Amino acid sequence: MFKIHRLQDLVRKFQPKSRVARWCINKYTLTVGVFIIWMLFFDKQDYSYYRHLQKEHDELVRDTTYYHQEIQSAQAQIRKLKGDKKELEKFARETYFMKRDDEVVYVFLPDSASVKK
């Protein structure tokens, strides 16, 4: 019995006096604190991994928006080419160097030496 009272006195002697210190030493608070630190820095899916995934997601959203705009402009060009024969002929001449039977088309390519300069 004497040993138990002496042990209780030792525990009271080293017990913190303020409420904040008692709250910080609480075993549940320490457990939650260690868990949060573990999840933020040491886990496989820590905060830096989350930021990497967020950046990758933002990049994919930007790419998706860009490609949707490109699809819309291509569809507008297709509608314009289907609606007007002169536009179709102009597109074929500029893109595929097509010509009429009675024409000669000369294509001038830049000299490789002048391109390097």
C-alpha atoms as a PDB file:
ATOM      1  CA  MET A   1       0.000   0.000   0.000  1.00  0.00           C
ATOM      2  CA  PHE A   2       2.865   2.297   0.802  1.00  0.00           C
ATOM      3  CA  LYS A   3       4.397   1.763  -2.634  1.00  0.00           C
ATOM      4  CA  ILE A   4       1.134   2.630  -4.408  1.00  0.00           C
ATOM      5  CA  HIS A   5       0.826   5.936  -2.542  1.00  0.00           C
ATOM      6  CA  ARG A   6       4.440   6.742  -3.260  1.00  0.00           C
ATOM      7  CA  LEU A   7       3.895   6.002  -6.972  1.00  0.00           C
ATOM      8  CA  GLN A   8       0.819   8.243  -7.036  1.00  0.00           C
ATOM      9  CA  ASP A   9       2.840  11.029  -5.430  1.00  0.00           C
ATOM     10  CA  LEU A  10       5.524  10.699  -8.089  1.00  0.00           C
ATOM     11  CA  VAL A  11       2.913  10.846 -10.850  1.00  0.00           C
ATOM     12  CA  ARG A  12       1.370  13.997  -9.341  1.00  0.00           C
ATOM     13  CA  LYS A  13       4.802  15.561  -8.964  1.00  0.00           C
ATOM     14  CA  PHE A  14       5.618  15.191 -12.680  1.00  0.00           C
ATOM     15  CA  GLN A  15       2.099  15.967 -13.918  1.00  0.00           C
ATOM     16  CA  PRO A  16       1.916  19.325 -15.729  1.00  0.00           C
ATOM     17  CA  LYS A  17       0.132  22.135 -13.915  1.00  0.00           C
ATOM     18  CA  SER A  18      -1.420  24.027 -16.850  1.00  0.00           C
ATOM     19  CA  ARG A  19      -4.387  22.793 -18.872  1.00  0.00           C
ATOM     20  CA  VAL A  20      -2.572  23.269 -22.175  1.00  0.00           C
ATOM     21  CA  ALA A  21       0.385  21.160 -21.095  1.00  0.00           C
ATOM     22  CA  ARG A  22      -1.932  18.431 -19.800  1.00  0.00           C
ATOM     23  CA  TRP A  23      -3.849  18.484 -23.077  1.00  0.00           C
ATOM     24  CA  CYS A  24      -0.613  18.181 -25.112  1.00  0.00           C
ATOM     25  CA  ILE A  25       0.622  15.217 -23.096  1.00  0.00           C
ATOM     26  CA  ASN A  26      -2.698  13.406 -23.380  1.00  0.00           C
ATOM     27  CA  LYS A  27      -2.135  10.018 -25.075  1.00  0.00           C
ATOM     28  CA  TYR A  28      -4.932  10.584 -27.573  1.00  0.00           C
ATOM     29  CA  THR A  29      -3.557  13.956 -28.629  1.00  0.00           C
ATOM     30  CA  LEU A  30      -0.103  12.478 -29.067  1.00  0.00           C
ATOM     31  CA  THR A  31      -1.529   9.607 -31.109  1.00  0.00           C
ATOM     32  CA  VAL A  32      -3.472  11.940 -33.406  1.00  0.00           C
ATOM     33  CA  GLY A  33      -0.408  14.203 -33.773  1.00  0.00           C
ATOM     34  CA  VAL A  34       1.849  11.306 -34.718  1.00  0.00           C
ATOM     35  CA  PHE A  35      -0.798  10.046 -37.165  1.00  0.00           C
ATOM     36  CA  ILE A  36      -1.088  13.452 -38.866  1.00  0.00           C
ATOM     37  CA  ILE A  37       2.690  13.811 -39.161  1.00  0.00           C
ATOM     38  CA  TRP A  38       2.939  10.288 -40.561  1.00  0.00           C
ATOM     39  CA  MET A  39       0.222  10.945 -43.163  1.00  0.00           C
ATOM     40  CA  LEU A  40       1.718  14.288 -44.229  1.00  0.00           C
ATOM     41  CA  PHE A  41       5.352  13.272 -44.602  1.00  0.00           C
ATOM     42  CA  PHE A  42       6.033   9.528 -44.422  1.00  0.00           C
ATOM     43  CA  ASP A  43       3.084   7.790 -46.055  1.00  0.00           C
ATOM     44  CA  LYS A  44       3.189   6.545 -49.650  1.00  0.00           C
ATOM     45  CA  GLN A  45       0.506   9.067 -50.606  1.00  0.00           C
ATOM     46  CA  ASP A  46       1.855  12.024 -48.663  1.00  0.00           C
ATOM     47  CA  TYR A  47       1.249  15.710 -49.298  1.00  0.00           C
ATOM     48  CA  SER A  48       3.886  16.038 -52.028  1.00  0.00           C
ATOM     49  CA  TYR A  49       2.349  13.116 -53.919  1.00  0.00           C
ATOM     50  CA  TYR A  50      -1.063  14.780 -53.624  1.00  0.00           C
ATOM     51  CA  ARG A  51       0.343  18.048 -55.033  1.00  0.00           C
ATOM     52  CA  HIS A  52       1.925  16.105 -57.927  1.00  0.00           C
ATOM     53  CA  LEU A  53      -1.429  14.507 -58.735  1.00  0.00           C
ATOM     54  CA  GLN A  54      -3.175  17.890 -58.519  1.00  0.00           C
ATOM     55  CA  LYS A  55      -0.721  19.447 -60.997  1.00  0.00           C
ATOM     56  CA  GLU A  56      -1.133  16.501 -63.353  1.00  0.00           C
ATOM     57  CA  HIS A  57      -4.925  16.837 -63.127  1.00  0.00           C
ATOM     58  CA  ASP A  58      -4.749  20.567 -63.897  1.00  0.00           C
ATOM     59  CA  GLU A  59      -2.544  19.865 -66.915  1.00  0.00           C
ATOM     60  CA  LEU A  60      -4.975  17.238 -68.208  1.00  0.00           C
ATOM     61  CA  VAL A  61      -7.898  19.649 -67.804  1.00  0.00           C
ATOM     62  CA  ARG A  62      -5.975  22.282 -69.797  1.00  0.00           C
ATOM     63  CA  ASP A  63      -5.208  19.728 -72.514  1.00  0.00           C
ATOM     64  CA  THR A  64      -8.847  18.657 -72.657  1.00  0.00           C
ATOM     65  CA  THR A  65      -9.984  22.263 -73.058  1.00  0.00           C
ATOM     66  CA  TYR A  66      -7.418  22.844 -75.811  1.00  0.00           C
ATOM     67  CA  TYR A  67      -8.459  19.748 -77.750  1.00  0.00           C
ATOM     68  CA  HIS A  68     -12.157  20.610 -77.446  1.00  0.00           C
ATOM     69  CA  GLN A  69     -11.393  24.009 -78.989  1.00  0.00           C
ATOM     70  CA  GLU A  70      -9.381  22.366 -81.758  1.00  0.00           C
ATOM     71  CA  ILE A  71     -12.249  19.964 -82.493  1.00  0.00           C
ATOM     72  CA  GLN A  72     -14.705  22.849 -82.696  1.00  0.00           C
ATOM     73  CA  SER A  73     -12.484  24.799 -85.101  1.00  0.00           C
ATOM     74  CA  ALA A  74     -11.976  21.688 -87.271  1.00  0.00           C
ATOM     75  CA  GLN A  75     -15.731  21.077 -87.377  1.00  0.00           C
ATOM     76  CA  ALA A  76     -16.308  24.715 -88.374  1.00  0.00           C
ATOM     77  CA  GLN A  77     -13.735  24.344 -91.153  1.00  0.00           C
ATOM     78  CA  ILE A  78     -15.421  21.131 -92.361  1.00  0.00           C
ATOM     79  CA  ARG A  79     -18.814  22.847 -92.460  1.00  0.00           C
ATOM     80  CA  LYS A  80     -17.278  25.740 -94.423  1.00  0.00           C
ATOM     81  CA  LEU A  81     -15.611  23.361 -96.909  1.00  0.00           C
ATOM     82  CA  LYS A  82     -18.785  21.338 -97.419  1.00  0.00           C
ATOM     83  CA  GLY A  83     -20.842  24.458 -98.022  1.00  0.00           C
ATOM     84  CA  ASP A  84     -18.683  26.318-100.541  1.00  0.00           C
ATOM     85  CA  LYS A  85     -16.947  24.777-103.587  1.00  0.00           C
ATOM     86  CA  LYS A  86     -14.514  27.676-103.925  1.00  0.00           C
ATOM     87  CA  GLU A  87     -13.346  27.217-100.334  1.00  0.00           C
ATOM     88  CA  LEU A  88     -12.849  23.502-100.996  1.00  0.00           C
ATOM     89  CA  GLU A  89     -10.801  24.240-104.111  1.00  0.00           C
ATOM     90  CA  LYS A  90      -8.706  26.819-102.253  1.00  0.00           C
ATOM     91  CA  PHE A  91      -8.051  24.360 -99.418  1.00  0.00           C
ATOM     92  CA  ALA A  92      -7.049  21.586-101.845  1.00  0.00           C
ATOM     93  CA  ARG A  93      -4.682  23.889-103.761  1.00  0.00           C
ATOM     94  CA  GLU A  94      -2.975  25.255-100.622  1.00  0.00           C
ATOM     95  CA  THR A  95      -2.735  22.039 -98.657  1.00  0.00           C
ATOM     96  CA  TYR A  96      -2.247  19.313-101.255  1.00  0.00           C
ATOM     97  CA  PHE A  97      -0.833  21.399-104.141  1.00  0.00           C
ATOM     98  CA  MET A  98      -3.622  20.251-106.458  1.00  0.00           C
ATOM     99  CA  LYS A  99      -4.092  21.900-109.829  1.00  0.00           C
ATOM    100  CA  ARG A 100      -6.418  21.982-112.754  1.00  0.00           C
ATOM    101  CA  ASP A 101      -5.600  20.078-115.929  1.00  0.00           C
ATOM    102  CA  ASP A 102      -4.522  23.167-117.853  1.00  0.00           C
ATOM    103  CA  GLU A 103      -2.298  24.613-115.074  1.00  0.00           C
ATOM    104  CA  VAL A 104       1.309  24.196-114.014  1.00  0.00           C
ATOM    105  CA  VAL A 105       2.203  24.655-110.331  1.00  0.00           C
ATOM    106  CA  TYR A 106       5.676  25.591-109.222  1.00  0.00           C
ATOM    107  CA  VAL A 107       6.618  24.961-105.597  1.00  0.00           C
ATOM    108  CA  PHE A 108       9.671  26.797-104.299  1.00  0.00           C
ATOM    109  CA  LEU A 109      11.359  25.255-101.308  1.00  0.00           C
ATOM    110  CA  PRO A 110      13.852  27.239 -99.236  1.00  0.00           C
ATOM    111  CA  ASP A 111      17.518  26.425 -99.766  1.00  0.00           C
ATOM    112  CA  SER A 112      18.935  24.289 -96.949  1.00  0.00           C
ATOM    113  CA  ALA A 113      21.962  26.596 -96.604  1.00  0.00           C
ATOM    114  CA  SER A 114      19.799  29.675 -96.135  1.00  0.00           C
ATOM    115  CA  VAL A 115      17.592  27.902 -93.600  1.00  0.00           C
ATOM    116  CA  LYS A 116      20.578  27.106 -91.360  1.00  0.00           C
ATOM    117  CA  LYS A 117      21.633  30.750 -91.239  1.00  0.00           C
END
